[in-house]
N, C-alpha and C. Protein backbone atom coordinates (compact mmCIF):
# COMPACT_ATOMS: atom_id res chain seq x y z
N MET A 1 0.85 -1.18 0.00
CA MET A 1 0.00 0.00 0.00
C MET A 1 0.90 1.24 0.00
N ARG A 2 0.58 2.20 -0.84
CA ARG A 2 1.39 3.40 -0.93
C ARG A 2 0.87 4.47 0.04
N PRO A 3 1.72 5.38 0.45
CA PRO A 3 1.28 6.47 1.34
C PRO A 3 0.23 7.34 0.65
N LEU A 4 -0.52 8.06 1.44
CA LEU A 4 -1.54 8.96 0.90
C LEU A 4 -0.90 10.04 0.05
N GLN A 5 -1.58 10.44 -0.97
CA GLN A 5 -1.08 11.47 -1.87
C GLN A 5 -1.62 12.84 -1.44
N ILE A 6 -1.11 13.33 -0.32
CA ILE A 6 -1.52 14.65 0.18
C ILE A 6 -0.26 15.46 0.46
N SER A 7 -0.42 16.76 0.51
CA SER A 7 0.73 17.63 0.74
C SER A 7 1.19 17.52 2.18
N PRO A 8 2.45 17.84 2.44
CA PRO A 8 2.96 17.79 3.81
C PRO A 8 2.19 18.70 4.77
N GLU A 9 1.79 19.88 4.29
CA GLU A 9 1.04 20.80 5.15
C GLU A 9 -0.31 20.20 5.53
N THR A 10 -0.98 19.60 4.56
CA THR A 10 -2.27 18.97 4.83
C THR A 10 -2.11 17.80 5.79
N ALA A 11 -1.06 17.02 5.61
CA ALA A 11 -0.82 15.87 6.48
C ALA A 11 -0.61 16.31 7.93
N VAL A 12 0.15 17.37 8.12
CA VAL A 12 0.41 17.86 9.48
C VAL A 12 -0.89 18.35 10.12
N LYS A 13 -1.70 19.09 9.37
CA LYS A 13 -2.97 19.60 9.91
C LYS A 13 -3.92 18.45 10.23
N LEU A 14 -4.01 17.47 9.34
CA LEU A 14 -4.90 16.33 9.58
C LEU A 14 -4.46 15.52 10.79
N ALA A 15 -3.17 15.29 10.92
CA ALA A 15 -2.65 14.53 12.05
C ALA A 15 -2.99 15.23 13.36
N ALA A 16 -2.87 16.55 13.37
CA ALA A 16 -3.21 17.30 14.58
C ALA A 16 -4.70 17.22 14.88
N LYS A 17 -5.53 17.41 13.85
CA LYS A 17 -6.99 17.37 14.04
C LYS A 17 -7.48 15.99 14.49
N LEU A 18 -6.91 14.94 13.87
CA LEU A 18 -7.35 13.58 14.18
C LEU A 18 -6.65 13.00 15.39
N ASN A 19 -5.65 13.72 15.90
CA ASN A 19 -4.89 13.29 17.07
C ASN A 19 -4.22 11.93 16.84
N VAL A 20 -3.57 11.80 15.68
CA VAL A 20 -2.81 10.58 15.36
C VAL A 20 -1.40 11.00 14.93
N PRO A 21 -0.41 10.14 15.14
CA PRO A 21 0.94 10.47 14.67
C PRO A 21 0.97 10.62 13.16
N LEU A 22 1.84 11.49 12.69
CA LEU A 22 1.95 11.79 11.26
C LEU A 22 2.24 10.54 10.44
N GLU A 23 3.17 9.72 10.91
CA GLU A 23 3.51 8.50 10.17
C GLU A 23 2.31 7.56 10.06
N GLN A 24 1.56 7.44 11.14
CA GLN A 24 0.38 6.58 11.12
C GLN A 24 -0.66 7.13 10.13
N LEU A 25 -0.81 8.43 10.10
CA LEU A 25 -1.76 9.04 9.16
C LEU A 25 -1.36 8.75 7.71
N MET A 26 -0.08 8.87 7.41
CA MET A 26 0.38 8.69 6.03
C MET A 26 0.21 7.25 5.55
N HIS A 27 0.19 6.30 6.46
CA HIS A 27 0.03 4.90 6.06
C HIS A 27 -1.36 4.35 6.37
N MET A 28 -2.27 5.24 6.74
CA MET A 28 -3.64 4.84 7.05
C MET A 28 -4.38 4.53 5.74
N PRO A 29 -5.12 3.43 5.70
CA PRO A 29 -5.92 3.13 4.50
C PRO A 29 -6.91 4.27 4.24
N GLN A 30 -7.12 4.53 2.97
CA GLN A 30 -7.94 5.68 2.58
C GLN A 30 -9.37 5.59 3.13
N HIS A 31 -9.96 4.40 3.13
CA HIS A 31 -11.35 4.29 3.61
C HIS A 31 -11.45 4.58 5.11
N ILE A 32 -10.42 4.27 5.88
CA ILE A 32 -10.43 4.56 7.31
C ILE A 32 -10.25 6.06 7.52
N LEU A 33 -9.37 6.67 6.75
CA LEU A 33 -9.17 8.12 6.86
C LEU A 33 -10.47 8.86 6.53
N LEU A 34 -11.15 8.43 5.48
CA LEU A 34 -12.42 9.08 5.11
C LEU A 34 -13.46 8.93 6.21
N ALA A 35 -13.50 7.77 6.85
CA ALA A 35 -14.44 7.56 7.95
C ALA A 35 -14.12 8.48 9.12
N LYS A 36 -12.83 8.62 9.44
CA LYS A 36 -12.42 9.50 10.54
C LYS A 36 -12.73 10.96 10.21
N LEU A 37 -12.53 11.35 8.95
CA LEU A 37 -12.84 12.71 8.54
C LEU A 37 -14.34 12.98 8.63
N ALA A 38 -15.15 11.99 8.29
CA ALA A 38 -16.61 12.14 8.39
C ALA A 38 -17.02 12.32 9.85
N GLU A 39 -16.42 11.54 10.74
CA GLU A 39 -16.72 11.68 12.17
C GLU A 39 -16.32 13.06 12.67
N LEU A 40 -15.15 13.53 12.24
CA LEU A 40 -14.66 14.84 12.64
C LEU A 40 -15.59 15.94 12.14
N ALA A 41 -16.02 15.84 10.90
CA ALA A 41 -16.92 16.85 10.33
C ALA A 41 -18.26 16.84 11.06
N LYS A 42 -18.73 15.66 11.42
CA LYS A 42 -20.01 15.55 12.13
C LYS A 42 -19.90 16.18 13.52
N SER A 43 -18.78 15.97 14.19
CA SER A 43 -18.62 16.51 15.54
C SER A 43 -18.38 18.02 15.53
N GLU A 44 -17.81 18.55 14.45
CA GLU A 44 -17.55 19.98 14.38
C GLU A 44 -18.71 20.77 13.79
N ALA A 45 -19.66 20.09 13.16
CA ALA A 45 -20.79 20.78 12.55
C ALA A 45 -21.69 21.35 13.64
N PRO A 46 -22.22 22.54 13.41
CA PRO A 46 -23.14 23.11 14.40
C PRO A 46 -24.43 22.28 14.44
N PRO A 47 -25.01 22.14 15.61
CA PRO A 47 -26.26 21.36 15.69
C PRO A 47 -27.35 22.01 14.87
N GLN A 48 -28.13 21.18 14.18
CA GLN A 48 -29.21 21.69 13.34
C GLN A 48 -30.49 21.80 14.15
N ALA A 49 -31.32 22.74 13.72
CA ALA A 49 -32.63 22.88 14.34
C ALA A 49 -33.49 21.68 13.94
N PRO A 50 -34.42 21.25 14.79
CA PRO A 50 -35.26 20.09 14.46
C PRO A 50 -36.02 20.24 13.15
N GLU A 51 -36.42 21.47 12.79
CA GLU A 51 -37.17 21.67 11.54
C GLU A 51 -36.31 21.34 10.33
N GLU A 52 -35.03 21.68 10.38
CA GLU A 52 -34.13 21.40 9.26
C GLU A 52 -33.95 19.90 9.08
N LYS A 53 -33.84 19.17 10.17
CA LYS A 53 -33.68 17.72 10.09
C LYS A 53 -34.91 17.08 9.45
N GLU A 54 -36.10 17.57 9.81
CA GLU A 54 -37.32 17.01 9.25
C GLU A 54 -37.42 17.30 7.76
N LYS A 55 -37.04 18.48 7.34
CA LYS A 55 -37.07 18.83 5.92
C LYS A 55 -36.16 17.93 5.12
N ARG A 56 -34.98 17.62 5.63
CA ARG A 56 -34.04 16.77 4.90
C ARG A 56 -34.53 15.33 4.79
N THR A 57 -35.22 14.84 5.80
CA THR A 57 -35.71 13.45 5.73
C THR A 57 -36.91 13.33 4.79
N GLU A 58 -37.67 14.41 4.63
CA GLU A 58 -38.82 14.37 3.75
C GLU A 58 -38.43 14.40 2.28
N GLU A 59 -37.31 15.04 1.97
CA GLU A 59 -36.90 15.19 0.56
C GLU A 59 -36.42 13.94 -0.01
């Protein structure tokens, strides 16, 4: 498996955000990294109002 194809600056920022060592991040399988990024985005997203959630489920 080859290392992720991301810039060094991006790798450093991601490692800090995900709280993982840089080397571990660079050798992390892409599907696991995407899952961790989705969790991070979900936790950083502002909570939605109940009306917005209902509108999205109806569409």
